[in-house]
C-alpha atoms as a PDB file:
ATOM      1  CA  UNK A   1     -20.440  -0.289  -0.766  1.00  0.00           C
ATOM      2  CA  UNK A   2     -18.912   3.012  -1.899  1.00  0.00           C
ATOM      3  CA  UNK A   3     -15.963   3.502  -4.190  1.00  0.00           C
ATOM      4  CA  UNK A   4     -14.070   6.436  -2.741  1.00  0.00           C
ATOM      5  CA  UNK A   5     -12.057   6.867  -5.913  1.00  0.00           C
ATOM      6  CA  UNK A   6     -10.798   5.025  -8.987  1.00  0.00           C
ATOM      7  CA  UNK A   7      -8.046   6.307 -11.220  1.00  0.00           C
ATOM      8  CA  UNK A   8      -5.111   5.435 -13.402  1.00  0.00           C
ATOM      9  CA  UNK A   9      -1.753   6.290 -11.823  1.00  0.00           C
ATOM     10  CA  UNK A  10       1.842   5.839 -12.964  1.00  0.00           C
ATOM     11  CA  UNK A  11       2.109   2.256 -11.696  1.00  0.00           C
ATOM     12  CA  UNK A  12      -1.316   0.898 -12.545  1.00  0.00           C
ATOM     13  CA  UNK A  13      -4.956   1.164 -11.578  1.00  0.00           C
ATOM     14  CA  UNK A  14      -5.678   2.548  -8.085  1.00  0.00           C
ATOM     15  CA  UNK A  15      -9.032   2.045  -6.356  1.00  0.00           C
ATOM     16  CA  UNK A  16     -10.227   3.072  -2.888  1.00  0.00           C
ATOM     17  CA  UNK A  17     -13.293   1.829  -1.017  1.00  0.00           C
ATOM     18  CA  UNK A  18     -14.887   3.766   1.803  1.00  0.00           C
ATOM     19  CA  UNK A  19     -15.303   1.439   4.794  1.00  0.00           C
ATOM     20  CA  UNK A  20     -18.286   1.235   7.097  1.00  0.00           C
ATOM     21  CA  UNK A  21     -17.771   1.054  10.839  1.00  0.00           C
ATOM     22  CA  UNK A  22     -17.590  -2.448  12.242  1.00  0.00           C
ATOM     23  CA  UNK A  23     -20.894  -1.840  14.108  1.00  0.00           C
ATOM     24  CA  UNK A  24     -22.631  -0.662  10.895  1.00  0.00           C
ATOM     25  CA  UNK A  25     -24.357  -3.986  10.138  1.00  0.00           C
ATOM     26  CA  UNK A  26     -26.088  -2.761   7.010  1.00  0.00           C
ATOM     27  CA  UNK A  27     -22.850  -1.252   5.648  1.00  0.00           C
ATOM     28  CA  UNK A  28     -20.822  -4.338   6.409  1.00  0.00           C
ATOM     29  CA  UNK A  29     -23.472  -6.533   4.757  1.00  0.00           C
ATOM     30  CA  UNK A  30     -23.424  -4.377   1.624  1.00  0.00           C
ATOM     31  CA  UNK A  31     -19.622  -4.575   1.513  1.00  0.00           C
ATOM     32  CA  UNK A  32     -19.634  -8.365   1.931  1.00  0.00           C
ATOM     33  CA  UNK A  33     -22.315  -8.695  -0.757  1.00  0.00           C
ATOM     34  CA  UNK A  34     -19.835  -7.367  -3.263  1.00  0.00           C
ATOM     35  CA  UNK A  35     -17.559 -10.365  -2.729  1.00  0.00           C
ATOM     36  CA  UNK A  36     -17.866 -13.806  -4.304  1.00  0.00           C
ATOM     37  CA  UNK A  37     -19.144 -16.571  -2.047  1.00  0.00           C
ATOM     38  CA  UNK A  38     -15.706 -17.997  -1.096  1.00  0.00           C
ATOM     39  CA  UNK A  39     -14.429 -14.615   0.070  1.00  0.00           C
ATOM     40  CA  UNK A  40     -17.703 -13.805   1.828  1.00  0.00           C
ATOM     41  CA  UNK A  41     -17.438 -17.027   3.762  1.00  0.00           C
ATOM     42  CA  UNK A  42     -13.813 -16.355   4.708  1.00  0.00           C
ATOM     43  CA  UNK A  43     -14.678 -12.831   5.827  1.00  0.00           C
ATOM     44  CA  UNK A  44     -17.265 -14.238   8.278  1.00  0.00           C
ATOM     45  CA  UNK A  45     -14.476 -16.165  10.041  1.00  0.00           C
ATOM     46  CA  UNK A  46     -12.600 -12.963  10.894  1.00  0.00           C
ATOM     47  CA  UNK A  47     -13.006 -10.635  13.906  1.00  0.00           C
ATOM     48  CA  UNK A  48     -15.408  -7.743  13.157  1.00  0.00           C
ATOM     49  CA  UNK A  49     -12.733  -5.049  12.644  1.00  0.00           C
ATOM     50  CA  UNK A  50     -10.546  -7.279  10.516  1.00  0.00           C
ATOM     51  CA  UNK A  51     -13.620  -8.480   8.550  1.00  0.00           C
ATOM     52  CA  UNK A  52     -14.322  -4.957   7.362  1.00  0.00           C
ATOM     53  CA  UNK A  53     -10.757  -4.077   6.279  1.00  0.00           C
ATOM     54  CA  UNK A  54     -10.151  -7.506   4.672  1.00  0.00           C
ATOM     55  CA  UNK A  55     -13.425  -7.381   2.752  1.00  0.00           C
ATOM     56  CA  UNK A  56     -12.795  -3.771   1.711  1.00  0.00           C
ATOM     57  CA  UNK A  57      -9.334  -4.628   0.401  1.00  0.00           C
ATOM     58  CA  UNK A  58     -10.709  -7.486  -1.698  1.00  0.00           C
ATOM     59  CA  UNK A  59     -13.511  -5.283  -3.081  1.00  0.00           C
ATOM     60  CA  UNK A  60     -10.950  -2.637  -4.008  1.00  0.00           C
ATOM     61  CA  UNK A  61      -8.663  -5.188  -5.645  1.00  0.00           C
ATOM     62  CA  UNK A  62     -11.473  -6.776  -7.630  1.00  0.00           C
ATOM     63  CA  UNK A  63     -12.526  -3.356  -8.873  1.00  0.00           C
ATOM     64  CA  UNK A  64      -8.950  -2.441  -9.891  1.00  0.00           C
ATOM     65  CA  UNK A  65      -8.507  -5.735 -11.729  1.00  0.00           C
ATOM     66  CA  UNK A  66     -11.890  -5.344 -13.462  1.00  0.00           C
ATOM     67  CA  UNK A  67     -10.764  -1.952 -14.767  1.00  0.00           C
ATOM     68  CA  UNK A  68      -7.677  -3.592 -16.215  1.00  0.00           C
ATOM     69  CA  UNK A  69      -9.949  -6.059 -18.033  1.00  0.00           C
ATOM     70  CA  UNK A  70      -8.473  -8.875 -15.940  1.00  0.00           C
ATOM     71  CA  UNK A  71     -10.333 -11.823 -14.473  1.00  0.00           C
ATOM     72  CA  UNK A  72      -9.839 -12.158 -10.683  1.00  0.00           C
ATOM     73  CA  UNK A  73      -9.673 -15.621  -9.110  1.00  0.00           C
ATOM     74  CA  UNK A  74     -12.748 -16.797  -7.223  1.00  0.00           C
ATOM     75  CA  UNK A  75     -10.810 -16.387  -3.973  1.00  0.00           C
ATOM     76  CA  UNK A  76      -8.070 -13.796  -3.597  1.00  0.00           C
ATOM     77  CA  UNK A  77      -6.218 -15.480  -0.723  1.00  0.00           C
ATOM     78  CA  UNK A  78      -3.043 -14.293   0.923  1.00  0.00           C
ATOM     79  CA  UNK A  79       0.528 -15.365   0.288  1.00  0.00           C
ATOM     80  CA  UNK A  80       2.539 -16.671   3.278  1.00  0.00           C
ATOM     81  CA  UNK A  81       3.926 -13.101   3.615  1.00  0.00           C
ATOM     82  CA  UNK A  82       0.440 -11.555   3.656  1.00  0.00           C
ATOM     83  CA  UNK A  83       0.168 -10.060   0.167  1.00  0.00           C
ATOM     84  CA  UNK A  84      -2.834 -10.769  -2.080  1.00  0.00           C
ATOM     85  CA  UNK A  85      -2.267 -14.005  -4.037  1.00  0.00           C
ATOM     86  CA  UNK A  86      -2.853 -13.199  -7.709  1.00  0.00           C
ATOM     87  CA  UNK A  87      -2.205 -15.057 -10.951  1.00  0.00           C
ATOM     88  CA  UNK A  88       1.339 -14.717 -12.306  1.00  0.00           C
ATOM     89  CA  UNK A  89       0.218 -12.363 -15.064  1.00  0.00           C
ATOM     90  CA  UNK A  90      -1.119  -9.828 -12.526  1.00  0.00           C
ATOM     91  CA  UNK A  91       0.410  -7.569  -9.909  1.00  0.00           C
ATOM     92  CA  UNK A  92      -1.342  -6.101  -6.911  1.00  0.00           C
ATOM     93  CA  UNK A  93      -1.020  -4.646  -3.448  1.00  0.00           C
ATOM     94  CA  UNK A  94      -3.618  -3.764  -0.786  1.00  0.00           C
ATOM     95  CA  UNK A  95      -3.574  -1.397   2.203  1.00  0.00           C
ATOM     96  CA  UNK A  96      -6.241  -0.231   4.595  1.00  0.00           C
ATOM     97  CA  UNK A  97      -7.101   1.916   7.538  1.00  0.00           C
ATOM     98  CA  UNK A  98     -10.350   1.935   9.514  1.00  0.00           C
ATOM     99  CA  UNK A  99     -11.901   4.426   7.056  1.00  0.00           C
ATOM    100  CA  UNK A 100     -10.698   3.277   3.663  1.00  0.00           C
ATOM    101  CA  UNK A 101      -9.173   0.304   1.816  1.00  0.00           C
ATOM    102  CA  UNK A 102      -7.052   0.811  -1.297  1.00  0.00           C
ATOM    103  CA  UNK A 103      -5.735  -1.528  -3.988  1.00  0.00           C
ATOM    104  CA  UNK A 104      -3.156  -1.011  -6.703  1.00  0.00           C
ATOM    105  CA  UNK A 105      -3.147  -3.395  -9.645  1.00  0.00           C
ATOM    106  CA  UNK A 106      -1.311  -3.788 -12.996  1.00  0.00           C
ATOM    107  CA  UNK A 107      -0.503  -6.401 -15.522  1.00  0.00           C
ATOM    108  CA  UNK A 108       2.865  -8.055 -14.934  1.00  0.00           C
ATOM    109  CA  UNK A 109       5.687  -6.758 -17.138  1.00  0.00           C
ATOM    110  CA  UNK A 110       9.200  -7.987 -16.458  1.00  0.00           C
ATOM    111  CA  UNK A 111      10.796  -8.172 -13.034  1.00  0.00           C
ATOM    112  CA  UNK A 112       8.459  -5.633 -11.405  1.00  0.00           C
ATOM    113  CA  UNK A 113       6.441  -5.644  -8.177  1.00  0.00           C
ATOM    114  CA  UNK A 114       4.075  -3.086  -6.654  1.00  0.00           C
ATOM    115  CA  UNK A 115       3.239  -1.658  -3.209  1.00  0.00           C
ATOM    116  CA  UNK A 116       0.675   0.661  -1.747  1.00  0.00           C
ATOM    117  CA  UNK A 117       0.104   2.212   1.675  1.00  0.00           C
ATOM    118  CA  UNK A 118      -2.454   4.586   3.146  1.00  0.00           C
ATOM    119  CA  UNK A 119      -2.238   6.399   6.458  1.00  0.00           C
ATOM    120  CA  UNK A 120      -4.559   8.654   8.427  1.00  0.00           C
ATOM    121  CA  UNK A 121      -3.110  12.145   8.639  1.00  0.00           C
ATOM    122  CA  UNK A 122      -3.323  13.151  12.233  1.00  0.00           C
ATOM    123  CA  UNK A 123      -1.191  14.630  15.000  1.00  0.00           C
ATOM    124  CA  UNK A 124       1.094  11.805  16.244  1.00  0.00           C
ATOM    125  CA  UNK A 125       0.728  10.642  19.824  1.00  0.00           C
ATOM    126  CA  UNK A 126       4.437   9.850  19.822  1.00  0.00           C
ATOM    127  CA  UNK A 127       7.315  10.919  17.606  1.00  0.00           C
ATOM    128  CA  UNK A 128       8.192   7.933  15.405  1.00  0.00           C
ATOM    129  CA  UNK A 129      10.970   9.665  13.541  1.00  0.00           C
ATOM    130  CA  UNK A 130      13.852   8.042  15.435  1.00  0.00           C
ATOM    131  CA  UNK A 131      12.412   4.585  14.706  1.00  0.00           C
ATOM    132  CA  UNK A 132      11.506   4.965  11.048  1.00  0.00           C
ATOM    133  CA  UNK A 133      13.893   7.609   9.614  1.00  0.00           C
ATOM    134  CA  UNK A 134      17.576   7.528   8.774  1.00  0.00           C
ATOM    135  CA  UNK A 135      19.926  10.184  10.178  1.00  0.00           C
ATOM    136  CA  UNK A 136      19.799  12.171   6.946  1.00  0.00           C
ATOM    137  CA  UNK A 137      16.020  11.955   6.783  1.00  0.00           C
ATOM    138  CA  UNK A 138      15.750  13.207  10.383  1.00  0.00           C
ATOM    139  CA  UNK A 139      18.015  16.133   9.612  1.00  0.00           C
ATOM    140  CA  UNK A 140      15.795  17.100   6.701  1.00  0.00           C
ATOM    141  CA  UNK A 141      12.497  16.863   8.603  1.00  0.00           C
ATOM    142  CA  UNK A 142      13.922  18.674  11.606  1.00  0.00           C
ATOM    143  CA  UNK A 143      14.344  21.783   9.433  1.00  0.00           C
ATOM    144  CA  UNK A 144      10.569  21.966   8.837  1.00  0.00           C
ATOM    145  CA  UNK A 145       7.870  23.635  10.883  1.00  0.00           C
ATOM    146  CA  UNK A 146       6.293  21.349  13.491  1.00  0.00           C
ATOM    147  CA  UNK A 147       3.162  20.828  11.371  1.00  0.00           C
ATOM    148  CA  UNK A 148       5.159  20.199   8.180  1.00  0.00           C
ATOM    149  CA  UNK A 149       7.469  17.913  10.058  1.00  0.00           C
ATOM    150  CA  UNK A 150       4.638  15.747  11.461  1.00  0.00           C
ATOM    151  CA  UNK A 151       3.151  15.301   8.001  1.00  0.00           C
ATOM    152  CA  UNK A 152       6.514  14.584   6.342  1.00  0.00           C
ATOM    153  CA  UNK A 153       7.401  11.922   8.925  1.00  0.00           C
ATOM    154  CA  UNK A 154       4.104  10.155   8.256  1.00  0.00           C
ATOM    155  CA  UNK A 155       4.582  10.524   4.493  1.00  0.00           C
ATOM    156  CA  UNK A 156       8.040   8.956   4.714  1.00  0.00           C
ATOM    157  CA  UNK A 157       6.633   6.128   6.847  1.00  0.00           C
ATOM    158  CA  UNK A 158       3.897   5.486   4.249  1.00  0.00           C
ATOM    159  CA  UNK A 159       6.395   5.610   1.359  1.00  0.00           C
ATOM    160  CA  UNK A 160       8.640   3.061   3.070  1.00  0.00           C
ATOM    161  CA  UNK A 161       5.701   0.776   3.837  1.00  0.00           C
ATOM    162  CA  UNK A 162       4.676   0.841   0.164  1.00  0.00           C
ATOM    163  CA  UNK A 163       8.269   0.143  -0.936  1.00  0.00           C
ATOM    164  CA  UNK A 164       8.649  -2.748   1.535  1.00  0.00           C
ATOM    165  CA  UNK A 165       5.597  -4.393   0.012  1.00  0.00           C
ATOM    166  CA  UNK A 166       7.273  -4.149  -3.401  1.00  0.00           C
ATOM    167  CA  UNK A 167      10.596  -5.496  -2.105  1.00  0.00           C
ATOM    168  CA  UNK A 168       9.166  -8.365  -0.049  1.00  0.00           C
ATOM    169  CA  UNK A 169       8.436 -10.780  -2.903  1.00  0.00           C
ATOM    170  CA  UNK A 170      12.079 -10.593  -3.933  1.00  0.00           C
ATOM    171  CA  UNK A 171      13.656 -10.700  -0.476  1.00  0.00           C
ATOM    172  CA  UNK A 172      11.224 -12.568   1.735  1.00  0.00           C
ATOM    173  CA  UNK A 173      12.657 -10.980   4.845  1.00  0.00           C
ATOM    174  CA  UNK A 174      12.065  -8.070   7.180  1.00  0.00           C
ATOM    175  CA  UNK A 175      13.507  -4.858   5.800  1.00  0.00           C
ATOM    176  CA  UNK A 176      14.275  -2.300   8.422  1.00  0.00           C
ATOM    177  CA  UNK A 177      13.182   1.289   8.127  1.00  0.00           C
ATOM    178  CA  UNK A 178      16.859   2.334   7.939  1.00  0.00           C
ATOM    179  CA  UNK A 179      17.513   0.161   4.844  1.00  0.00           C
ATOM    180  CA  UNK A 180      15.461   2.408   2.580  1.00  0.00           C
ATOM    181  CA  UNK A 181      16.291   6.096   2.371  1.00  0.00           C
ATOM    182  CA  UNK A 182      14.171   8.791   0.736  1.00  0.00           C
ATOM    183  CA  UNK A 183      15.172  12.222  -0.488  1.00  0.00           C
ATOM    184  CA  UNK A 184      13.990  14.631  -3.169  1.00  0.00           C
ATOM    185  CA  UNK A 185      15.511  15.424  -6.495  1.00  0.00           C
ATOM    186  CA  UNK A 186      15.912  18.939  -7.968  1.00  0.00           C
ATOM    187  CA  UNK A 187      12.293  18.825  -9.226  1.00  0.00           C
ATOM    188  CA  UNK A 188      10.960  17.884  -5.784  1.00  0.00           C
ATOM    189  CA  UNK A 189      10.137  14.284  -6.693  1.00  0.00           C
ATOM    190  CA  UNK A 190      10.792  11.605  -4.108  1.00  0.00           C
ATOM    191  CA  UNK A 191      13.843   9.423  -4.757  1.00  0.00           C
ATOM    192  CA  UNK A 192      14.346   6.126  -2.891  1.00  0.00           C
ATOM    193  CA  UNK A 193      17.462   4.047  -2.511  1.00  0.00           C
ATOM    194  CA  UNK A 194      18.026   0.592  -1.023  1.00  0.00           C
ATOM    195  CA  UNK A 195      21.332  -1.040  -0.286  1.00  0.00           C
ATOM    196  CA  UNK A 196      21.011  -4.786  -0.991  1.00  0.00           C
ATOM    197  CA  UNK A 197      22.773  -7.262   1.236  1.00  0.00           C
ATOM    198  CA  UNK A 198      25.424  -9.601  -0.116  1.00  0.00           C
ATOM    199  CA  UNK A 199      23.888 -12.180  -2.442  1.00  0.00           C
ATOM    200  CA  UNK A 200      20.640 -10.162  -2.944  1.00  0.00           C
ATOM    201  CA  UNK A 201      19.615  -8.588  -6.278  1.00  0.00           C
ATOM    202  CA  UNK A 202      19.727  -4.848  -6.732  1.00  0.00           C
ATOM    203  CA  UNK A 203      16.648  -2.756  -7.461  1.00  0.00           C
ATOM    204  CA  UNK A 204      15.330   0.453  -8.964  1.00  0.00           C
ATOM    205  CA  UNK A 205      12.773   1.936  -6.555  1.00  0.00           C
ATOM    206  CA  UNK A 206      10.034   4.356  -7.517  1.00  0.00           C
ATOM    207  CA  UNK A 207       7.511   5.965  -5.190  1.00  0.00           C
ATOM    208  CA  UNK A 208       4.737   8.525  -5.714  1.00  0.00           C
ATOM    209  CA  UNK A 209       2.410  10.335  -3.401  1.00  0.00           C
ATOM    210  CA  UNK A 210      -1.079  10.128  -4.830  1.00  0.00           C
ATOM    211  CA  UNK A 211      -4.156  12.248  -4.385  1.00  0.00           C
ATOM    212  CA  UNK A 212      -5.850  10.862  -1.280  1.00  0.00           C
ATOM    213  CA  UNK A 213      -9.198  11.154   0.452  1.00  0.00           C
ATOM    214  CA  UNK A 214      -9.303  14.102   2.837  1.00  0.00           C
ATOM    215  CA  UNK A 215      -7.282  13.459   5.970  1.00  0.00           C
ATOM    216  CA  UNK A 216      -5.189  10.638   4.448  1.00  0.00           C
ATOM    217  CA  UNK A 217      -1.752  10.122   2.925  1.00  0.00           C
ATOM    218  CA  UNK A 218      -1.525   7.653   0.032  1.00  0.00           C
ATOM    219  CA  UNK A 219       1.688   6.260  -1.447  1.00  0.00           C
ATOM    220  CA  UNK A 220       2.247   3.894  -4.386  1.00  0.00           C
ATOM    221  CA  UNK A 221       5.536   2.205  -5.202  1.00  0.00           C
ATOM    222  CA  UNK A 222       7.058   0.150  -7.998  1.00  0.00           C
ATOM    223  CA  UNK A 223      10.159  -2.014  -7.529  1.00  0.00           C
ATOM    224  CA  UNK A 224      12.123  -3.199 -10.583  1.00  0.00           C
ATOM    225  CA  UNK A 225      14.745  -5.925 -10.075  1.00  0.00           C
ATOM    226  CA  UNK A 226      17.913  -5.174 -12.021  1.00  0.00           C
ATOM    227  CA  UNK A 227      19.115  -8.001 -14.248  1.00  0.00           C
ATOM    228  CA  UNK A 228      22.587  -9.525 -13.743  1.00  0.00           C
END
């Protein structure tokens, strides 16, 4: 089992785990050996590809929690919405691709939730911009060179995925790609906005692009529910 990186970021502790191929029996066994027995047993019930990413996500989360000085439960199960189920005093989010699993963790502080997403940076087989971007976002990316445009579309997708993970515990519903809009402020930082539906709370959204393993895009997000 190889930690790809571990660092403190604005929203908490971020850890990445390099994943073995699903046919790499020795690598998969080493990864599983880093899990407690309950999680190891659960991993064995999953299909091979899912086994690797699930185990990698739990290894990354456990490493992130350990660096916070927090005690992880014997079994980090999933909530009904698919997020890692952690004690109330802890926050966490997991994402993975076939090459890496990442976890973001922090101690709970007020009405705050976290999200993380990782994507493989590669030439898209199809243009997803019409599906995942708002009209204003499409106008901005269309002004870029083809290479810059492809990367920015994927970065916006990853940012929205991270933000949706942060919004989900509050809303418990599907949030469409057009409900969150991203732009940049005068300093070039990403700014996210979300228009709550009637009866829903309002939020302050934060999103950062983090240093990622070569060939990947990595986004972290923090969602703060406004009071009142």
